[in-house]
């Protein structure tokens, strides 16, 4: 896992990462009196497994599910190099069938 201090990520783990703050007692008792903490990056998508894959000519889709039925679909457009996402908590099969017409958005908006 990457260590993040003061917002700087030393491992570029920004892809799918949420930050969980961990207090380090040796840093919290620093002599300067600064509020220093260490944050550990955890991937919010670790619980998901790939379920479906559609390798189109220019647009590719990948569907992911977790054990509770939550899901997301990732759309990758080759010509523009863009990734967008759509997520839900039920009815994955219908949404996968209609994947081309979903309203995809940026990762930080969906997750």
C-alpha atoms as a PDB file:
ATOM      1  CA  UNK A   1       0.000   0.000   0.000  1.00  0.00           C
ATOM      2  CA  UNK A   2       1.100   3.506  -0.714  1.00  0.00           C
ATOM      3  CA  UNK A   3       1.708   6.027   2.034  1.00  0.00           C
ATOM      4  CA  UNK A   4       0.137   9.449   1.662  1.00  0.00           C
ATOM      5  CA  UNK A   5       1.368  12.363   3.773  1.00  0.00           C
ATOM      6  CA  UNK A   6      -0.216  15.782   3.492  1.00  0.00           C
ATOM      7  CA  UNK A   7      -1.999  14.816   0.290  1.00  0.00           C
ATOM      8  CA  UNK A   8       1.158  13.658  -1.520  1.00  0.00           C
ATOM      9  CA  UNK A   9       0.853  10.125  -2.862  1.00  0.00           C
ATOM     10  CA  UNK A  10       4.227   8.402  -3.217  1.00  0.00           C
ATOM     11  CA  UNK A  11       2.866   5.516  -5.304  1.00  0.00           C
ATOM     12  CA  UNK A  12       0.314   7.170  -7.611  1.00  0.00           C
ATOM     13  CA  UNK A  13      -2.382   4.971  -6.088  1.00  0.00           C
ATOM     14  CA  UNK A  14      -5.059   7.477  -7.045  1.00  0.00           C
ATOM     15  CA  UNK A  15      -6.787   4.929  -9.291  1.00  0.00           C
ATOM     16  CA  UNK A  16      -9.686   3.771  -7.206  1.00  0.00           C
ATOM     17  CA  UNK A  17      -8.199   4.796  -3.903  1.00  0.00           C
ATOM     18  CA  UNK A  18      -9.965   6.089  -0.859  1.00  0.00           C
ATOM     19  CA  UNK A  19      -7.885   7.363   2.019  1.00  0.00           C
ATOM     20  CA  UNK A  20      -8.136   6.015   5.537  1.00  0.00           C
ATOM     21  CA  UNK A  21      -6.348   8.119   8.160  1.00  0.00           C
ATOM     22  CA  UNK A  22      -3.998   6.285  10.501  1.00  0.00           C
ATOM     23  CA  UNK A  23      -2.566   8.116  13.503  1.00  0.00           C
ATOM     24  CA  UNK A  24       1.106   7.563  14.267  1.00  0.00           C
ATOM     25  CA  UNK A  25       1.835   8.335  17.926  1.00  0.00           C
ATOM     26  CA  UNK A  26       5.471   9.161  17.277  1.00  0.00           C
ATOM     27  CA  UNK A  27       4.419  11.853  14.799  1.00  0.00           C
ATOM     28  CA  UNK A  28       1.465  13.197  16.777  1.00  0.00           C
ATOM     29  CA  UNK A  29       3.813  14.113  19.652  1.00  0.00           C
ATOM     30  CA  UNK A  30       6.193  16.108  17.464  1.00  0.00           C
ATOM     31  CA  UNK A  31       8.074  18.984  19.085  1.00  0.00           C
ATOM     32  CA  UNK A  32       6.964  21.595  16.564  1.00  0.00           C
ATOM     33  CA  UNK A  33       3.312  21.091  17.451  1.00  0.00           C
ATOM     34  CA  UNK A  34       2.178  20.321  13.922  1.00  0.00           C
ATOM     35  CA  UNK A  35      -0.868  18.140  13.342  1.00  0.00           C
ATOM     36  CA  UNK A  36       0.801  15.357  11.363  1.00  0.00           C
ATOM     37  CA  UNK A  37      -0.917  12.159  10.302  1.00  0.00           C
ATOM     38  CA  UNK A  38      -0.241   9.279   7.965  1.00  0.00           C
ATOM     39  CA  UNK A  39      -2.898   8.167   5.533  1.00  0.00           C
ATOM     40  CA  UNK A  40      -2.994   4.709   4.042  1.00  0.00           C
ATOM     41  CA  UNK A  41      -4.519   4.244   0.573  1.00  0.00           C
ATOM     42  CA  UNK A  42      -7.059   1.470   0.156  1.00  0.00           C
ATOM     43  CA  UNK A  43      -8.636   0.565  -3.165  1.00  0.00           C
ATOM     44  CA  UNK A  44     -12.418   1.021  -3.082  1.00  0.00           C
ATOM     45  CA  UNK A  45     -12.782  -1.484  -5.916  1.00  0.00           C
ATOM     46  CA  UNK A  46     -10.960  -4.430  -4.298  1.00  0.00           C
ATOM     47  CA  UNK A  47     -14.248  -6.196  -3.504  1.00  0.00           C
ATOM     48  CA  UNK A  48     -15.304  -6.365  -7.167  1.00  0.00           C
ATOM     49  CA  UNK A  49     -14.557  -9.130  -9.659  1.00  0.00           C
ATOM     50  CA  UNK A  50     -14.890  -8.947 -13.439  1.00  0.00           C
ATOM     51  CA  UNK A  51     -18.079 -10.493 -14.713  1.00  0.00           C
ATOM     52  CA  UNK A  52     -18.433  -9.425 -18.357  1.00  0.00           C
ATOM     53  CA  UNK A  53     -16.123  -8.075 -21.038  1.00  0.00           C
ATOM     54  CA  UNK A  54     -17.035  -6.515 -24.384  1.00  0.00           C
ATOM     55  CA  UNK A  55     -14.006  -5.659 -26.526  1.00  0.00           C
ATOM     56  CA  UNK A  56     -15.556  -3.433 -29.195  1.00  0.00           C
ATOM     57  CA  UNK A  57     -13.597  -1.836 -32.006  1.00  0.00           C
ATOM     58  CA  UNK A  58     -13.414   1.626 -30.429  1.00  0.00           C
ATOM     59  CA  UNK A  59     -15.469   1.307 -27.233  1.00  0.00           C
ATOM     60  CA  UNK A  60     -14.778  -1.378 -24.667  1.00  0.00           C
ATOM     61  CA  UNK A  61     -16.898  -2.268 -21.653  1.00  0.00           C
ATOM     62  CA  UNK A  62     -16.070  -4.271 -18.543  1.00  0.00           C
ATOM     63  CA  UNK A  63     -18.666  -5.234 -15.948  1.00  0.00           C
ATOM     64  CA  UNK A  64     -17.718  -5.892 -12.314  1.00  0.00           C
ATOM     65  CA  UNK A  65     -19.740  -7.358  -9.419  1.00  0.00           C
ATOM     66  CA  UNK A  66     -19.154  -7.746  -5.697  1.00  0.00           C
ATOM     67  CA  UNK A  67     -20.516 -10.531  -3.486  1.00  0.00           C
ATOM     68  CA  UNK A  68     -23.518  -8.409  -2.419  1.00  0.00           C
ATOM     69  CA  UNK A  69     -24.723  -7.654  -5.952  1.00  0.00           C
ATOM     70  CA  UNK A  70     -23.262  -4.144  -6.168  1.00  0.00           C
ATOM     71  CA  UNK A  71     -21.772  -3.510  -9.565  1.00  0.00           C
ATOM     72  CA  UNK A  72     -20.119  -1.070 -11.907  1.00  0.00           C
ATOM     73  CA  UNK A  73     -19.442  -0.925 -15.612  1.00  0.00           C
ATOM     74  CA  UNK A  74     -16.276   0.661 -16.945  1.00  0.00           C
ATOM     75  CA  UNK A  75     -16.344   2.150 -20.446  1.00  0.00           C
ATOM     76  CA  UNK A  76     -13.078   2.779 -22.284  1.00  0.00           C
ATOM     77  CA  UNK A  77     -13.066   4.721 -25.560  1.00  0.00           C
ATOM     78  CA  UNK A  78      -9.863   3.902 -27.419  1.00  0.00           C
ATOM     79  CA  UNK A  79      -9.900   6.888 -29.816  1.00  0.00           C
ATOM     80  CA  UNK A  80     -10.047   9.400 -26.944  1.00  0.00           C
ATOM     81  CA  UNK A  81      -8.266   7.357 -24.273  1.00  0.00           C
ATOM     82  CA  UNK A  82     -11.041   8.050 -21.766  1.00  0.00           C
ATOM     83  CA  UNK A  83     -12.424   5.865 -18.984  1.00  0.00           C
ATOM     84  CA  UNK A  84     -15.889   6.513 -17.558  1.00  0.00           C
ATOM     85  CA  UNK A  85     -18.031   4.578 -15.079  1.00  0.00           C
ATOM     86  CA  UNK A  86     -21.609   3.712 -14.195  1.00  0.00           C
ATOM     87  CA  UNK A  87     -22.579   1.887 -10.986  1.00  0.00           C
ATOM     88  CA  UNK A  88     -25.560   0.392  -9.231  1.00  0.00           C
ATOM     89  CA  UNK A  89     -26.708  -1.852  -6.402  1.00  0.00           C
ATOM     90  CA  UNK A  90     -29.120  -4.139  -8.278  1.00  0.00           C
ATOM     91  CA  UNK A  91     -30.266  -5.234 -11.746  1.00  0.00           C
ATOM     92  CA  UNK A  92     -26.785  -5.706 -13.168  1.00  0.00           C
ATOM     93  CA  UNK A  93     -27.949  -7.957 -16.034  1.00  0.00           C
ATOM     94  CA  UNK A  94     -30.363  -5.353 -17.458  1.00  0.00           C
ATOM     95  CA  UNK A  95     -27.781  -2.603 -17.166  1.00  0.00           C
ATOM     96  CA  UNK A  96     -25.106  -4.740 -18.819  1.00  0.00           C
ATOM     97  CA  UNK A  97     -27.492  -5.407 -21.721  1.00  0.00           C
ATOM     98  CA  UNK A  98     -28.129  -1.643 -22.023  1.00  0.00           C
ATOM     99  CA  UNK A  99     -24.494  -0.646 -21.388  1.00  0.00           C
ATOM    100  CA  UNK A 100     -24.152   1.454 -24.559  1.00  0.00           C
ATOM    101  CA  UNK A 101     -26.943   3.828 -23.475  1.00  0.00           C
ATOM    102  CA  UNK A 102     -25.965   4.395 -19.816  1.00  0.00           C
ATOM    103  CA  UNK A 103     -24.940   7.850 -18.534  1.00  0.00           C
ATOM    104  CA  UNK A 104     -21.250   7.244 -17.713  1.00  0.00           C
ATOM    105  CA  UNK A 105     -19.263   9.711 -15.647  1.00  0.00           C
ATOM    106  CA  UNK A 106     -15.851  10.259 -14.054  1.00  0.00           C
ATOM    107  CA  UNK A 107     -14.583   7.880 -11.361  1.00  0.00           C
ATOM    108  CA  UNK A 108     -14.717  10.507  -8.586  1.00  0.00           C
ATOM    109  CA  UNK A 109     -18.357  11.269  -9.405  1.00  0.00           C
ATOM    110  CA  UNK A 110     -19.498   7.626  -9.460  1.00  0.00           C
ATOM    111  CA  UNK A 111     -17.489   6.400  -6.474  1.00  0.00           C
END
